[in-house]
Amino acid sequence: MFMEARLLDERREGIAEGEANANIATAKRMLAKGCYSLEVIAELTNLSLADVEKLKEES
């Protein structure tokens, strides 16, 4: 039972990490287009405004 719970937790963590990476990639594309405010990008990607600002600085 413990092993099954651990595997489920690992699977959930992997899914969450994949979603986070997809949101970051989407935010980067939106920043590249320059058509959206940082606030809108944060709202649509479920990233924090600070994270979006950091992505903008990195690009």
PDB file of N, CA and C in Angstrom:
ATOM      1  N   MET A   1       0.819  -1.192   0.000  1.00  0.00           N
ATOM      2  CA  MET A   1       0.000   0.000   0.000  1.00  0.00           C
ATOM      3  C   MET A   1       0.869   1.265   0.000  1.00  0.00           C
ATOM      4  N   PHE A   2       1.914   1.256   0.816  1.00  0.00           N
ATOM      5  CA  PHE A   2       2.808   2.403   0.892  1.00  0.00           C
ATOM      6  C   PHE A   2       3.454   2.669  -0.458  1.00  0.00           C
ATOM      7  N   MET A   3       3.852   1.610  -1.147  1.00  0.00           N
ATOM      8  CA  MET A   3       4.502   1.747  -2.446  1.00  0.00           C
ATOM      9  C   MET A   3       3.545   2.366  -3.459  1.00  0.00           C
ATOM     10  N   GLU A   4       2.287   1.972  -3.446  1.00  0.00           N
ATOM     11  CA  GLU A   4       1.289   2.530  -4.365  1.00  0.00           C
ATOM     12  C   GLU A   4       1.084   4.015  -4.105  1.00  0.00           C
ATOM     13  N   ALA A   5       1.018   4.398  -2.845  1.00  0.00           N
ATOM     14  CA  ALA A   5       0.844   5.814  -2.490  1.00  0.00           C
ATOM     15  C   ALA A   5       2.049   6.619  -2.949  1.00  0.00           C
ATOM     16  N   ARG A   6       3.219   6.055  -2.788  1.00  0.00           N
ATOM     17  CA  ARG A   6       4.440   6.741  -3.206  1.00  0.00           C
ATOM     18  C   ARG A   6       4.459   6.922  -4.721  1.00  0.00           C
ATOM     19  N   LEU A   7       4.078   5.898  -5.451  1.00  0.00           N
ATOM     20  CA  LEU A   7       4.034   5.995  -6.911  1.00  0.00           C
ATOM     21  C   LEU A   7       3.022   7.035  -7.372  1.00  0.00           C
ATOM     22  N   LEU A   8       1.870   7.087  -6.713  1.00  0.00           N
ATOM     23  CA  LEU A   8       0.871   8.096  -7.048  1.00  0.00           C
ATOM     24  C   LEU A   8       1.393   9.502  -6.787  1.00  0.00           C
ATOM     25  N   ASP A   9       2.086   9.683  -5.667  1.00  0.00           N
ATOM     26  CA  ASP A   9       2.673  10.985  -5.354  1.00  0.00           C
ATOM     27  C   ASP A   9       3.699  11.389  -6.400  1.00  0.00           C
ATOM     28  N   GLU A  10       4.538  10.449  -6.808  1.00  0.00           N
ATOM     29  CA  GLU A  10       5.551  10.739  -7.825  1.00  0.00           C
ATOM     30  C   GLU A  10       4.893  11.097  -9.158  1.00  0.00           C
ATOM     31  N   ARG A  11       3.826  10.393  -9.498  1.00  0.00           N
ATOM     32  CA  ARG A  11       3.115  10.680 -10.741  1.00  0.00           C
ATOM     33  C   ARG A  11       2.503  12.075 -10.694  1.00  0.00           C
ATOM     34  N   ARG A  12       1.893  12.423  -9.565  1.00  0.00           N
ATOM     35  CA  ARG A  12       1.298  13.762  -9.416  1.00  0.00           C
ATOM     36  C   ARG A  12       2.354  14.850  -9.512  1.00  0.00           C
ATOM     37  N   GLU A  13       3.507  14.610  -8.887  1.00  0.00           N
ATOM     38  CA  GLU A  13       4.596  15.582  -8.948  1.00  0.00           C
ATOM     39  C   GLU A  13       5.078  15.762 -10.385  1.00  0.00           C
ATOM     40  N   GLY A  14       5.175  14.671 -11.121  1.00  0.00           N
ATOM     41  CA  GLY A  14       5.599  14.735 -12.516  1.00  0.00           C
ATOM     42  C   GLY A  14       4.610  15.500 -13.370  1.00  0.00           C
ATOM     43  N   ILE A  15       3.343  15.280 -13.133  1.00  0.00           N
ATOM     44  CA  ILE A  15       2.304  15.994 -13.885  1.00  0.00           C
ATOM     45  C   ILE A  15       2.368  17.481 -13.559  1.00  0.00           C
ATOM     46  N   ALA A  16       2.504  17.819 -12.287  1.00  0.00           N
ATOM     47  CA  ALA A  16       2.577  19.222 -11.875  1.00  0.00           C
ATOM     48  C   ALA A  16       3.799  19.900 -12.485  1.00  0.00           C
ATOM     49  N   GLU A  17       4.914  19.189 -12.511  1.00  0.00           N
ATOM     50  CA  GLU A  17       6.128  19.754 -13.105  1.00  0.00           C
ATOM     51  C   GLU A  17       5.946  19.973 -14.603  1.00  0.00           C
ATOM     52  N   GLY A  18       5.314  19.021 -15.273  1.00  0.00           N
ATOM     53  CA  GLY A  18       5.044  19.169 -16.700  1.00  0.00           C
ATOM     54  C   GLY A  18       4.133  20.347 -16.992  1.00  0.00           C
ATOM     55  N   GLU A  19       3.116  20.527 -16.171  1.00  0.00           N
ATOM     56  CA  GLU A  19       2.214  21.667 -16.346  1.00  0.00           C
ATOM     57  C   GLU A  19       2.951  22.981 -16.118  1.00  0.00           C
ATOM     58  N   ALA A  20       3.800  23.025 -15.119  1.00  0.00           N
ATOM     59  CA  ALA A  20       4.567  24.240 -14.837  1.00  0.00           C
ATOM     60  C   ALA A  20       5.479  24.573 -16.013  1.00  0.00           C
ATOM     61  N   ASN A  21       6.136  23.559 -16.564  1.00  0.00           N
ATOM     62  CA  ASN A  21       7.011  23.787 -17.719  1.00  0.00           C
ATOM     63  C   ASN A  21       6.214  24.279 -18.927  1.00  0.00           C
ATOM     64  N   ALA A  22       5.034  23.730 -19.122  1.00  0.00           N
ATOM     65  CA  ALA A  22       4.183  24.169 -20.233  1.00  0.00           C
ATOM     66  C   ALA A  22       3.740  25.619 -20.028  1.00  0.00           C
ATOM     67  N   ASN A  23       3.412  25.983 -18.802  1.00  0.00           N
ATOM     68  CA  ASN A  23       3.002  27.357 -18.518  1.00  0.00           C
ATOM     69  C   ASN A  23       4.155  28.330 -18.747  1.00  0.00           C
ATOM     70  N   ILE A  24       5.354  27.936 -18.380  1.00  0.00           N
ATOM     71  CA  ILE A  24       6.527  28.783 -18.602  1.00  0.00           C
ATOM     72  C   ILE A  24       6.772  28.953 -20.096  1.00  0.00           C
ATOM     73  N   ALA A  25       6.662  27.877 -20.847  1.00  0.00           N
ATOM     74  CA  ALA A  25       6.859  27.947 -22.300  1.00  0.00           C
ATOM     75  C   ALA A  25       5.811  28.856 -22.939  1.00  0.00           C
ATOM     76  N   THR A  26       4.577  28.755 -22.478  1.00  0.00           N
ATOM     77  CA  THR A  26       3.512  29.608 -22.997  1.00  0.00           C
ATOM     78  C   THR A  26       3.798  31.067 -22.673  1.00  0.00           C
ATOM     79  N   ALA A  27       4.216  31.338 -21.458  1.00  0.00           N
ATOM     80  CA  ALA A  27       4.536  32.708 -21.055  1.00  0.00           C
ATOM     81  C   ALA A  27       5.669  33.277 -21.910  1.00  0.00           C
ATOM     82  N   LYS A  28       6.666  32.468 -22.192  1.00  0.00           N
ATOM     83  CA  LYS A  28       7.782  32.919 -23.028  1.00  0.00           C
ATOM     84  C   LYS A  28       7.302  33.285 -24.430  1.00  0.00           C
ATOM     85  N   ARG A  29       6.412  32.469 -24.983  1.00  0.00           N
ATOM     86  CA  ARG A  29       5.882  32.774 -26.318  1.00  0.00           C
ATOM     87  C   ARG A  29       5.057  34.065 -26.291  1.00  0.00           C
ATOM     88  N   MET A  30       4.272  34.245 -25.235  1.00  0.00           N
ATOM     89  CA  MET A  30       3.460  35.452 -25.109  1.00  0.00           C
ATOM     90  C   MET A  30       4.348  36.688 -24.962  1.00  0.00           C
ATOM     91  N   LEU A  31       5.423  36.566 -24.201  1.00  0.00           N
ATOM     92  CA  LEU A  31       6.358  37.680 -24.054  1.00  0.00           C
ATOM     93  C   LEU A  31       7.018  38.005 -25.391  1.00  0.00           C
ATOM     94  N   ALA A  32       7.364  36.985 -26.152  1.00  0.00           N
ATOM     95  CA  ALA A  32       8.002  37.199 -27.447  1.00  0.00           C
ATOM     96  C   ALA A  32       7.088  37.947 -28.409  1.00  0.00           C
ATOM     97  N   LYS A  33       5.798  37.675 -28.327  1.00  0.00           N
ATOM     98  CA  LYS A  33       4.831  38.366 -29.186  1.00  0.00           C
ATOM     99  C   LYS A  33       4.681  39.829 -28.796  1.00  0.00           C
ATOM    100  N   GLY A  34       4.820  40.110 -27.500  1.00  0.00           N
ATOM    101  CA  GLY A  34       4.716  41.484 -27.023  1.00  0.00           C
ATOM    102  C   GLY A  34       3.319  42.053 -27.065  1.00  0.00           C
ATOM    103  N   CYS A  35       2.317  41.224 -27.168  1.00  0.00           N
ATOM    104  CA  CYS A  35       0.936  41.686 -27.298  1.00  0.00           C
ATOM    105  C   CYS A  35       0.177  41.689 -25.980  1.00  0.00           C
ATOM    106  N   TYR A  36       0.812  41.209 -24.925  1.00  0.00           N
ATOM    107  CA  TYR A  36       0.113  41.041 -23.662  1.00  0.00           C
ATOM    108  C   TYR A  36       0.863  41.746 -22.543  1.00  0.00           C
ATOM    109  N   SER A  37       0.118  42.256 -21.580  1.00  0.00           N
ATOM    110  CA  SER A  37       0.755  42.837 -20.402  1.00  0.00           C
ATOM    111  C   SER A  37       1.266  41.712 -19.515  1.00  0.00           C
ATOM    112  N   LEU A  38       2.190  42.048 -18.644  1.00  0.00           N
ATOM    113  CA  LEU A  38       2.728  41.042 -17.736  1.00  0.00           C
ATOM    114  C   LEU A  38       1.637  40.487 -16.837  1.00  0.00           C
ATOM    115  N   GLU A  39       0.712  41.334 -16.440  1.00  0.00           N
ATOM    116  CA  GLU A  39      -0.383  40.900 -15.582  1.00  0.00           C
ATOM    117  C   GLU A  39      -1.278  39.875 -16.285  1.00  0.00           C
ATOM    118  N   VAL A  40      -1.566  40.119 -17.552  1.00  0.00           N
ATOM    119  CA  VAL A  40      -2.410  39.197 -18.318  1.00  0.00           C
ATOM    120  C   VAL A  40      -1.686  37.864 -18.511  1.00  0.00           C
ATOM    121  N   ILE A  41      -0.403  37.921 -18.807  1.00  0.00           N
ATOM    122  CA  ILE A  41       0.370  36.689 -18.970  1.00  0.00           C
ATOM    123  C   ILE A  41       0.338  35.883 -17.681  1.00  0.00           C
ATOM    124  N   ALA A  42       0.543  36.548 -16.560  1.00  0.00           N
ATOM    125  CA  ALA A  42       0.510  35.858 -15.270  1.00  0.00           C
ATOM    126  C   ALA A  42      -0.855  35.218 -15.038  1.00  0.00           C
ATOM    127  N   GLU A  43      -1.901  35.952 -15.343  1.00  0.00           N
ATOM    128  CA  GLU A  43      -3.258  35.431 -15.136  1.00  0.00           C
ATOM    129  C   GLU A  43      -3.532  34.216 -16.017  1.00  0.00           C
ATOM    130  N   LEU A  44      -3.165  34.299 -17.274  1.00  0.00           N
ATOM    131  CA  LEU A  44      -3.496  33.231 -18.219  1.00  0.00           C
ATOM    132  C   LEU A  44      -2.630  31.985 -18.062  1.00  0.00           C
ATOM    133  N   THR A  45      -1.437  32.146 -17.517  1.00  0.00           N
ATOM    134  CA  THR A  45      -0.532  31.008 -17.374  1.00  0.00           C
ATOM    135  C   THR A  45      -0.476  30.466 -15.943  1.00  0.00           C
ATOM    136  N   ASN A  46      -1.177  31.104 -15.037  1.00  0.00           N
ATOM    137  CA  ASN A  46      -1.155  30.716 -13.620  1.00  0.00           C
ATOM    138  C   ASN A  46       0.236  30.821 -13.009  1.00  0.00           C
ATOM    139  N   LEU A  47       1.055  31.710 -13.546  1.00  0.00           N
ATOM    140  CA  LEU A  47       2.352  32.007 -12.962  1.00  0.00           C
ATOM    141  C   LEU A  47       2.220  33.275 -12.130  1.00  0.00           C
ATOM    142  N   SER A  48       3.136  33.453 -11.195  1.00  0.00           N
ATOM    143  CA  SER A  48       3.110  34.695 -10.427  1.00  0.00           C
ATOM    144  C   SER A  48       3.645  35.829 -11.297  1.00  0.00           C
ATOM    145  N   LEU A  49       3.256  37.040 -10.949  1.00  0.00           N
ATOM    146  CA  LEU A  49       3.747  38.201 -11.680  1.00  0.00           C
ATOM    147  C   LEU A  49       5.266  38.275 -11.575  1.00  0.00           C
ATOM    148  N   ALA A  50       5.804  37.940 -10.415  1.00  0.00           N
ATOM    149  CA  ALA A  50       7.260  37.944 -10.230  1.00  0.00           C
ATOM    150  C   ALA A  50       7.936  36.952 -11.175  1.00  0.00           C
ATOM    151  N   ASP A  51       7.333  35.782 -11.358  1.00  0.00           N
ATOM    152  CA  ASP A  51       7.899  34.784 -12.273  1.00  0.00           C
ATOM    153  C   ASP A  51       7.881  35.288 -13.711  1.00  0.00           C
ATOM    154  N   VAL A  52       6.798  35.936 -14.110  1.00  0.00           N
ATOM    155  CA  VAL A  52       6.697  36.478 -15.469  1.00  0.00           C
ATOM    156  C   VAL A  52       7.726  37.588 -15.676  1.00  0.00           C
ATOM    157  N   GLU A  53       7.869  38.443 -14.674  1.00  0.00           N
ATOM    158  CA  GLU A  53       8.867  39.517 -14.764  1.00  0.00           C
ATOM    159  C   GLU A  53      10.264  38.935 -14.904  1.00  0.00           C
ATOM    160  N   LYS A  54      10.554  37.868 -14.170  1.00  0.00           N
ATOM    161  CA  LYS A  54      11.857  37.210 -14.250  1.00  0.00           C
ATOM    162  C   LYS A  54      12.078  36.622 -15.642  1.00  0.00           C
ATOM    163  N   LEU A  55      11.050  36.003 -16.204  1.00  0.00           N
ATOM    164  CA  LEU A  55      11.163  35.458 -17.559  1.00  0.00           C
ATOM    165  C   LEU A  55      11.432  36.562 -18.565  1.00  0.00           C
ATOM    166  N   LYS A  56      10.809  37.710 -18.371  1.00  0.00           N
ATOM    167  CA  LYS A  56      11.019  38.836 -19.286  1.00  0.00           C
ATOM    168  C   LYS A  56      12.458  39.324 -19.211  1.00  0.00           C
ATOM    169  N   GLU A  57      12.993  39.399 -18.006  1.00  0.00           N
ATOM    170  CA  GLU A  57      14.378  39.844 -17.829  1.00  0.00           C
ATOM    171  C   GLU A  57      15.357  38.864 -18.476  1.00  0.00           C
ATOM    172  N   GLU A  58      15.040  37.581 -18.431  1.00  0.00           N
ATOM    173  CA  GLU A  58      15.925  36.552 -18.977  1.00  0.00           C
ATOM    174  C   GLU A  58      15.938  36.538 -20.497  1.00  0.00           C
ATOM    175  N   SER A  59      14.874  37.044 -21.096  1.00  0.00           N
ATOM    176  CA  SER A  59      14.807  36.974 -22.570  1.00  0.00           C
ATOM    177  C   SER A  59      15.428  38.154 -23.236  1.00  0.00           C
TER     178      SER A  59
END
